[in-house]
């Protein structure tokens, strides 16, 4: 298990960065022609969504 300490402002910034990356990732998934690469991107998106939810739970 990995732990990381940050204050509320840092957690909000991290959440913002993750959400922005997610929107870019969604566009990349739509524009990708290679099925194997698209599937890898979808798996990354699944992991990213889980991470976003964890950070959301921490942000006050």
N, C-alpha and C. Protein backbone atom coordinates (compact mmCIF):
# COMPACT_ATOMS: atom_id res chain seq x y z
N UNK A 1 0.85 -1.18 0.00
CA UNK A 1 0.00 0.00 0.00
C UNK A 1 0.89 1.24 0.00
N UNK A 2 0.50 2.20 -0.79
CA UNK A 2 1.22 3.47 -0.87
C UNK A 2 0.37 4.53 -0.20
N UNK A 3 0.99 5.39 0.58
CA UNK A 3 0.27 6.49 1.21
C UNK A 3 0.90 7.81 0.79
N UNK A 4 0.11 8.85 0.85
CA UNK A 4 0.58 10.18 0.46
C UNK A 4 -0.17 11.20 1.29
N UNK A 5 0.56 12.11 1.89
CA UNK A 5 -0.07 13.16 2.68
C UNK A 5 -0.10 14.45 1.87
N UNK A 6 -1.24 15.14 1.94
CA UNK A 6 -1.37 16.43 1.26
C UNK A 6 -2.44 17.23 1.97
N UNK A 7 -2.39 18.54 1.80
CA UNK A 7 -3.42 19.37 2.40
C UNK A 7 -4.63 19.44 1.46
N UNK A 8 -5.69 20.09 1.91
CA UNK A 8 -6.92 20.15 1.12
C UNK A 8 -6.72 20.79 -0.25
N UNK A 9 -5.95 21.87 -0.29
CA UNK A 9 -5.71 22.53 -1.58
C UNK A 9 -4.98 21.62 -2.55
N UNK A 10 -4.02 20.88 -2.06
CA UNK A 10 -3.29 19.95 -2.92
C UNK A 10 -4.21 18.83 -3.42
N UNK A 11 -5.08 18.34 -2.54
CA UNK A 11 -6.01 17.29 -2.94
C UNK A 11 -6.98 17.80 -4.00
N UNK A 12 -7.44 19.03 -3.85
CA UNK A 12 -8.33 19.62 -4.86
C UNK A 12 -7.62 19.79 -6.19
N UNK A 13 -6.36 20.20 -6.13
CA UNK A 13 -5.57 20.35 -7.35
C UNK A 13 -5.38 19.00 -8.03
N UNK A 14 -5.04 17.99 -7.25
CA UNK A 14 -4.88 16.64 -7.80
C UNK A 14 -6.16 16.17 -8.46
N UNK A 15 -7.29 16.40 -7.81
CA UNK A 15 -8.58 16.01 -8.38
C UNK A 15 -8.82 16.72 -9.70
N UNK A 16 -8.52 18.01 -9.75
CA UNK A 16 -8.69 18.78 -10.97
C UNK A 16 -7.81 18.23 -12.10
N UNK A 17 -6.57 17.92 -11.80
CA UNK A 17 -5.65 17.37 -12.81
C UNK A 17 -6.15 16.02 -13.30
N UNK A 18 -6.59 15.18 -12.40
CA UNK A 18 -7.09 13.86 -12.80
C UNK A 18 -8.34 13.97 -13.66
N UNK A 19 -9.24 14.86 -13.31
CA UNK A 19 -10.46 15.04 -14.10
C UNK A 19 -10.15 15.61 -15.49
N UNK A 20 -9.20 16.51 -15.56
CA UNK A 20 -8.82 17.05 -16.88
C UNK A 20 -8.19 15.96 -17.74
N UNK A 21 -7.33 15.15 -17.13
CA UNK A 21 -6.71 14.06 -17.87
C UNK A 21 -7.79 13.08 -18.36
N UNK A 22 -8.79 12.85 -17.52
CA UNK A 22 -9.86 11.93 -17.91
C UNK A 22 -10.59 12.43 -19.16
N UNK A 23 -10.85 13.72 -19.22
CA UNK A 23 -11.56 14.25 -20.40
C UNK A 23 -10.69 14.10 -21.65
N UNK A 24 -9.39 14.29 -21.52
CA UNK A 24 -8.49 14.10 -22.66
C UNK A 24 -8.41 12.62 -23.05
N UNK A 25 -8.43 11.76 -22.05
CA UNK A 25 -8.37 10.32 -22.31
C UNK A 25 -9.62 9.85 -23.05
N UNK A 26 -10.77 10.39 -22.70
CA UNK A 26 -12.01 10.03 -23.40
C UNK A 26 -11.92 10.37 -24.88
N UNK A 27 -11.36 11.53 -25.20
CA UNK A 27 -11.20 11.93 -26.59
C UNK A 27 -10.23 10.99 -27.30
N UNK A 28 -9.15 10.66 -26.62
CA UNK A 28 -8.17 9.76 -27.23
C UNK A 28 -8.78 8.38 -27.51
N UNK A 29 -9.61 7.90 -26.61
CA UNK A 29 -10.27 6.61 -26.81
C UNK A 29 -11.14 6.65 -28.06
N UNK A 30 -11.91 7.71 -28.22
CA UNK A 30 -12.80 7.85 -29.38
C UNK A 30 -12.01 7.92 -30.68
N UNK A 31 -10.89 8.60 -30.66
CA UNK A 31 -10.11 8.82 -31.88
C UNK A 31 -9.16 7.67 -32.23
N UNK A 32 -9.00 6.72 -31.34
CA UNK A 32 -8.06 5.63 -31.57
C UNK A 32 -8.67 4.58 -32.49
N UNK A 33 -7.92 4.22 -33.51
CA UNK A 33 -8.39 3.24 -34.47
C UNK A 33 -8.00 1.80 -34.12
N UNK A 34 -6.83 1.65 -33.51
CA UNK A 34 -6.35 0.30 -33.18
C UNK A 34 -7.10 -0.25 -31.97
N UNK A 35 -7.75 -1.38 -32.17
CA UNK A 35 -8.58 -1.98 -31.13
C UNK A 35 -7.79 -2.31 -29.88
N UNK A 36 -6.58 -2.86 -30.04
CA UNK A 36 -5.77 -3.25 -28.88
C UNK A 36 -5.41 -2.02 -28.04
N UNK A 37 -5.04 -0.94 -28.71
CA UNK A 37 -4.66 0.27 -28.00
C UNK A 37 -5.88 0.89 -27.32
N UNK A 38 -7.03 0.87 -28.00
CA UNK A 38 -8.26 1.40 -27.42
C UNK A 38 -8.63 0.63 -26.16
N UNK A 39 -8.49 -0.69 -26.19
CA UNK A 39 -8.79 -1.49 -25.01
C UNK A 39 -7.85 -1.16 -23.85
N UNK A 40 -6.59 -0.92 -24.15
CA UNK A 40 -5.63 -0.53 -23.12
C UNK A 40 -6.01 0.83 -22.53
N UNK A 41 -6.44 1.74 -23.38
CA UNK A 41 -6.87 3.06 -22.91
C UNK A 41 -8.13 2.95 -22.04
N UNK A 42 -9.03 2.06 -22.42
CA UNK A 42 -10.25 1.87 -21.62
C UNK A 42 -9.92 1.31 -20.23
N UNK A 43 -8.93 0.43 -20.18
CA UNK A 43 -8.50 -0.09 -18.88
C UNK A 43 -7.88 1.02 -18.03
N UNK A 44 -7.09 1.87 -18.67
CA UNK A 44 -6.52 3.01 -17.95
C UNK A 44 -7.63 3.93 -17.45
N UNK A 45 -8.66 4.13 -18.28
CA UNK A 45 -9.78 4.98 -17.87
C UNK A 45 -10.50 4.38 -16.66
N UNK A 46 -10.67 3.08 -16.65
CA UNK A 46 -11.32 2.40 -15.53
C UNK A 46 -10.53 2.64 -14.24
N UNK A 47 -9.22 2.50 -14.31
CA UNK A 47 -8.37 2.73 -13.14
C UNK A 47 -8.40 4.20 -12.72
N UNK A 48 -8.41 5.08 -13.70
CA UNK A 48 -8.45 6.52 -13.42
C UNK A 48 -9.75 6.90 -12.72
N UNK A 49 -10.87 6.35 -13.18
CA UNK A 49 -12.16 6.64 -12.54
C UNK A 49 -12.14 6.21 -11.07
N UNK A 50 -11.56 5.07 -10.79
CA UNK A 50 -11.47 4.59 -9.41
C UNK A 50 -10.61 5.53 -8.57
N UNK A 51 -9.53 6.00 -9.14
CA UNK A 51 -8.65 6.93 -8.44
C UNK A 51 -9.35 8.26 -8.18
N UNK A 52 -10.08 8.74 -9.16
CA UNK A 52 -10.82 9.99 -9.00
C UNK A 52 -11.83 9.86 -7.85
N UNK A 53 -12.51 8.75 -7.78
CA UNK A 53 -13.48 8.54 -6.71
C UNK A 53 -12.80 8.52 -5.34
N UNK A 54 -11.63 7.93 -5.25
CA UNK A 54 -10.89 7.91 -3.98
C UNK A 54 -10.50 9.32 -3.56
N UNK A 55 -10.02 10.12 -4.52
CA UNK A 55 -9.61 11.47 -4.19
C UNK A 55 -10.83 12.32 -3.83
N UNK A 56 -11.93 12.13 -4.55
CA UNK A 56 -13.17 12.86 -4.24
C UNK A 56 -13.61 12.62 -2.80
N UNK A 57 -13.44 11.40 -2.34
CA UNK A 57 -13.84 11.05 -0.97
C UNK A 57 -12.98 11.78 0.06
N UNK A 58 -11.78 12.19 -0.32
CA UNK A 58 -10.87 12.86 0.59
C UNK A 58 -11.02 14.37 0.59
N UNK A 59 -11.51 14.92 -0.51
CA UNK A 59 -11.60 16.36 -0.65
C UNK A 59 -12.80 16.86 0.15
N UNK A 60 -12.56 17.86 0.94
CA UNK A 60 -13.63 18.40 1.81
C UNK A 60 -14.39 19.51 1.13
